Amino acid sequence: FRAGAGALRAMFRAPGCLNGDLIAVIANVVYRITAAGVATSIGTVAGSGRVIIAGNLAGIMVADGVSLQYSTGGALATVTITFTNPIWVGHTAGYWLCVEGGTQRRFYQPDTSPTVWDGNFNSASSSTDRLLGCAIVSGRIWDFGERSIEFRYASGDAEAPFSVEIGRAYERGCLSRDTIVPLDNTVLWVGDDRIIYRGSDVPQAISDNFIAERLAEASVDDIYA
């Protein structure tokens, strides 16, 4: 089986989302691939880097660093947003989330109106570093900055749907968005010191000396998971 030609830039599949079909971005084409291996192009994306995809029971959201697009299974439609450079997208607690690259801001939008965003956002509060990406584990949002990591939870308040977990933050940043991996009820990432960490009460270093030496010699663009 083969769909398209070029670099694989993203894959996404979730139970209950678009009948469990696989969404793959190959070169600049977004494909919906059924369990039978039937691939259908549903749109295109910009750039050449990694693409982030999230989904819920109604559809998928695609962020390529230039635009945000939404699909309920058919052709992707451009989402109207009040910000630029959408570098990460996710979904939790009835809201779509999107990070604006180069800033401290993570925007949120009720999933009942996914195609026109109102411009509501949260900003990092414990440090002045830029937000690189996020992870969602058991309803908790991990906001990964260059030098710090903050945590938020769904508050149930329609006016302020996500609240900071007071007293819980890491004074350890993230090297790059593409190293963030939710796994086994926590998150793994490469820190700003180029050591691999596993989230716990405090960040736990899990890379050995050999891996640390390899990461120290590599360029940031070559470090991903």
Protein backbone atom coordinates (compact mmCIF):
# COMPACT_ATOMS: atom_id res chain seq x y z
CA PHE A 1 0.00 0.00 0.00
CA ARG A 2 1.23 3.49 -0.83
CA ALA A 3 -0.36 6.92 -0.80
CA GLY A 4 1.29 9.91 -2.35
CA ALA A 5 4.99 10.65 -2.80
CA GLY A 6 7.28 12.61 -0.54
CA ALA A 7 8.03 13.01 3.15
CA LEU A 8 5.57 11.85 5.80
CA ARG A 9 4.81 14.95 7.86
CA ALA A 10 2.02 13.73 10.16
CA MET A 11 -0.20 10.78 11.04
CA PHE A 12 -3.29 10.78 13.20
CA ARG A 13 -5.86 8.20 14.18
CA ALA A 14 -8.27 8.11 17.12
CA PRO A 15 -11.15 5.76 17.96
CA GLY A 16 -14.47 7.36 17.05
CA CYS A 17 -12.89 10.11 14.97
CA LEU A 18 -13.83 9.90 11.28
CA ASN A 19 -14.74 6.21 11.67
CA GLY A 20 -11.25 5.46 12.93
CA ASP A 21 -9.68 6.28 9.55
CA LEU A 22 -6.02 7.26 9.39
CA ILE A 23 -5.17 10.86 8.50
CA ALA A 24 -1.73 11.21 6.93
CA VAL A 25 0.11 14.23 5.55
CA ILE A 26 2.51 13.24 2.76
CA ALA A 27 4.48 16.11 1.22
CA ASN A 28 1.79 18.81 1.09
CA VAL A 29 -1.26 16.54 0.64
CA VAL A 30 -3.59 15.43 3.43
CA TYR A 31 -5.04 11.95 2.94
CA ARG A 32 -7.88 10.13 4.65
CA ILE A 33 -7.09 6.40 4.55
CA THR A 34 -9.68 3.74 5.37
CA ALA A 35 -9.03 0.37 7.02
CA ALA A 36 -9.28 -1.16 3.54
CA GLY A 37 -6.38 0.99 2.37
CA VAL A 38 -8.41 3.41 0.25
CA ALA A 39 -6.70 6.80 0.31
CA THR A 40 -8.58 10.00 -0.53
CA SER A 41 -7.04 13.45 -0.70
CA ILE A 42 -8.98 15.92 1.47
CA GLY A 43 -6.75 18.97 1.05
CA THR A 44 -3.27 20.44 1.18
CA VAL A 45 -1.03 22.11 3.74
CA ALA A 46 1.75 24.68 3.57
CA GLY A 47 5.46 24.51 4.29
CA SER A 48 7.69 21.48 4.63
CA GLY A 49 7.96 20.85 8.38
CA ARG A 50 5.95 18.69 10.72
CA VAL A 51 2.18 19.12 10.81
CA ILE A 52 0.09 18.69 13.98
CA ILE A 53 -3.36 17.05 13.84
CA ALA A 54 -5.99 16.70 16.58
CA GLY A 55 -9.49 15.30 16.54
CA ASN A 56 -12.75 14.74 18.37
CA LEU A 57 -15.94 12.83 17.56
CA ALA A 58 -16.98 15.46 15.00
CA GLY A 59 -13.82 16.04 12.99
CA ILE A 60 -10.15 16.95 12.81
CA MET A 61 -8.13 20.15 13.09
CA VAL A 62 -4.83 20.56 11.20
CA ALA A 63 -2.10 23.10 12.04
CA ASP A 64 0.79 23.61 9.61
CA GLY A 65 2.37 26.79 10.98
CA VAL A 66 0.64 28.95 8.37
CA SER A 67 -3.05 28.14 8.65
CA LEU A 68 -5.51 26.15 10.70
CA GLN A 69 -7.90 23.85 8.81
CA TYR A 70 -10.91 21.77 9.85
CA SER A 71 -12.68 18.77 8.37
CA THR A 72 -15.66 16.65 9.34
CA GLY A 73 -14.48 13.98 6.92
CA GLY A 74 -14.61 15.78 3.60
CA ALA A 75 -12.49 18.58 2.20
CA LEU A 76 -10.47 20.66 4.65
CA ALA A 77 -11.78 24.18 5.23
CA THR A 78 -9.65 27.12 6.38
CA VAL A 79 -10.47 28.22 9.92
CA THR A 80 -10.88 31.94 10.61
CA ILE A 81 -8.44 32.87 13.39
CA THR A 82 -7.33 36.14 14.97
CA PHE A 83 -3.66 35.10 15.26
CA THR A 84 -0.84 33.84 13.04
CA ASN A 85 1.63 30.96 13.01
CA PRO A 86 -0.52 28.11 14.43
CA ILE A 87 2.17 25.57 15.42
CA TRP A 88 0.24 23.15 17.65
CA VAL A 89 -3.39 22.07 17.95
CA GLY A 90 -5.21 19.87 20.45
CA HIS A 91 -8.61 19.13 21.91
CA THR A 92 -9.86 18.63 25.47
CA ALA A 93 -12.90 19.27 27.65
CA GLY A 94 -15.04 20.49 24.74
CA TYR A 95 -12.48 22.98 23.42
CA TRP A 96 -10.03 23.18 20.55
CA LEU A 97 -6.63 24.55 21.56
CA CYS A 98 -3.96 26.16 19.39
CA VAL A 99 -0.52 27.62 20.15
CA GLU A 100 0.57 30.77 18.35
CA GLY A 101 4.25 30.30 17.51
CA GLY A 102 6.71 32.90 18.79
CA THR A 103 4.43 33.98 21.65
CA GLN A 104 3.26 32.87 25.10
CA ARG A 105 -0.30 32.41 23.91
CA ARG A 106 -2.46 29.29 23.58
CA PHE A 107 -5.86 30.06 22.08
CA TYR A 108 -9.03 28.11 22.82
CA GLN A 109 -12.38 27.76 21.07
CA PRO A 110 -15.55 25.80 21.95
CA ASP A 111 -15.80 22.79 19.68
CA THR A 112 -19.39 23.70 18.88
CA SER A 113 -18.06 26.48 16.60
CA PRO A 114 -14.73 25.21 15.25
CA THR A 115 -14.40 27.22 12.04
CA VAL A 116 -14.47 30.79 13.44
CA TRP A 117 -12.37 31.42 16.54
CA ASP A 118 -13.23 34.22 18.98
CA GLY A 119 -9.65 35.11 19.97
CA ASN A 120 -9.72 33.92 23.58
CA PHE A 121 -6.38 32.74 24.93
CA ASN A 122 -4.29 31.82 27.96
CA SER A 123 -0.75 33.15 28.43
CA ALA A 124 2.17 31.56 30.24
CA SER A 125 2.39 33.11 33.70
CA SER A 126 5.47 31.71 35.46
CA SER A 127 8.12 32.82 32.96
CA THR A 128 8.67 35.12 30.01
CA ASP A 129 9.73 32.33 27.64
CA ARG A 130 7.88 31.49 24.44
CA LEU A 131 5.42 28.61 24.26
CA LEU A 132 6.69 25.84 21.97
CA GLY A 133 3.82 23.36 22.17
CA CYS A 134 1.56 21.45 24.51
CA ALA A 135 0.52 17.97 25.55
CA ILE A 136 -2.79 16.76 26.95
CA VAL A 137 -2.76 13.90 29.45
CA SER A 138 -5.88 12.86 31.41
CA GLY A 139 -7.46 16.25 30.80
CA ARG A 140 -4.44 18.18 32.08
CA ILE A 141 -2.73 20.61 29.69
CA TRP A 142 1.06 20.74 29.77
CA ASP A 143 2.30 24.07 28.38
CA PHE A 144 5.90 23.63 27.21
CA GLY A 145 7.99 26.80 27.16
CA GLU A 146 11.62 27.35 26.29
CA ARG A 147 12.64 27.47 29.96
CA SER A 148 9.60 26.36 31.94
CA ILE A 149 6.52 24.11 31.88
CA GLU A 150 3.13 25.07 33.32
CA PHE A 151 0.01 23.03 33.93
CA ARG A 152 -3.65 23.89 33.50
CA TYR A 153 -6.88 22.00 34.06
CA ALA A 154 -10.46 22.39 32.84
CA SER A 155 -12.21 24.59 35.40
CA GLY A 156 -15.79 24.17 34.17
CA ASP A 157 -16.13 27.97 34.05
CA ALA A 158 -17.34 29.14 30.63
CA GLU A 159 -15.67 32.54 31.12
CA ALA A 160 -12.28 31.06 32.09
CA PRO A 161 -12.36 27.40 31.04
CA PHE A 162 -8.72 26.60 31.92
CA SER A 163 -7.07 27.41 35.25
CA VAL A 164 -3.42 27.30 36.29
CA GLU A 165 -2.46 24.57 38.74
CA ILE A 166 -1.14 26.74 41.56
CA GLY A 167 2.17 25.55 42.97
CA ARG A 168 2.82 23.11 40.13
CA ALA A 169 5.34 24.07 37.47
CA TYR A 170 8.68 22.85 36.21
CA GLU A 171 11.71 25.11 36.08
CA ARG A 172 12.87 23.10 33.09
CA GLY A 173 12.09 23.99 29.51
CA CYS A 174 11.77 22.16 26.23
CA LEU A 175 14.25 22.09 23.36
CA SER A 176 11.66 21.77 20.61
CA ARG A 177 7.99 21.08 20.00
CA ASP A 178 8.79 17.94 18.04
CA THR A 179 10.33 16.20 21.05
CA ILE A 180 7.11 16.28 23.13
CA VAL A 181 5.53 12.80 23.41
CA PRO A 182 2.56 11.90 25.65
CA LEU A 183 3.16 8.33 26.83
CA ASP A 184 2.08 6.05 29.69
CA ASN A 185 -0.05 8.67 31.50
CA THR A 186 2.73 11.28 31.44
CA VAL A 187 4.91 13.12 28.91
CA LEU A 188 8.45 12.61 27.65
CA TRP A 189 10.45 15.44 26.10
CA VAL A 190 13.95 16.72 25.43
CA GLY A 191 14.74 19.51 27.87
CA ASP A 192 16.40 22.82 27.15
CA ASP A 193 19.59 21.19 28.49
CA ARG A 194 19.31 18.41 25.83
CA ILE A 195 18.50 15.71 28.38
CA ILE A 196 15.42 13.47 27.92
CA TYR A 197 12.91 13.83 30.74
CA ARG A 198 9.84 12.00 31.97
CA GLY A 199 7.22 14.01 33.81
CA SER A 200 6.59 13.17 37.48
CA ASP A 201 6.45 15.26 40.66
CA VAL A 202 9.62 16.78 39.21
CA PRO A 203 11.17 16.14 35.77
CA GLN A 204 13.02 12.82 35.85
CA ALA A 205 16.09 12.53 33.60
CA ILE A 206 15.98 9.22 31.71
CA SER A 207 18.71 9.57 29.06
CA ASP A 208 22.07 7.93 29.67
CA ASN A 209 25.50 9.44 28.93
CA PHE A 210 25.62 8.02 25.41
CA ILE A 211 22.29 9.56 24.44
CA ALA A 212 23.19 12.84 26.14
CA GLU A 213 26.40 13.06 24.11
CA ARG A 214 24.55 12.39 20.85
CA LEU A 215 21.92 15.03 21.63
CA ALA A 216 24.59 17.56 22.59
CA GLU A 217 26.18 17.21 19.14
CA ALA A 218 22.95 17.30 17.09
CA SER A 219 21.24 20.35 15.63
CA VAL A 220 17.80 21.17 17.00
CA ASP A 221 16.17 20.38 13.64
CA ASP A 222 17.52 16.84 13.80
CA ILE A 223 16.10 16.11 17.26
CA TYR A 224 12.52 14.83 17.18
CA ALA A 225 10.40 11.94 18.43
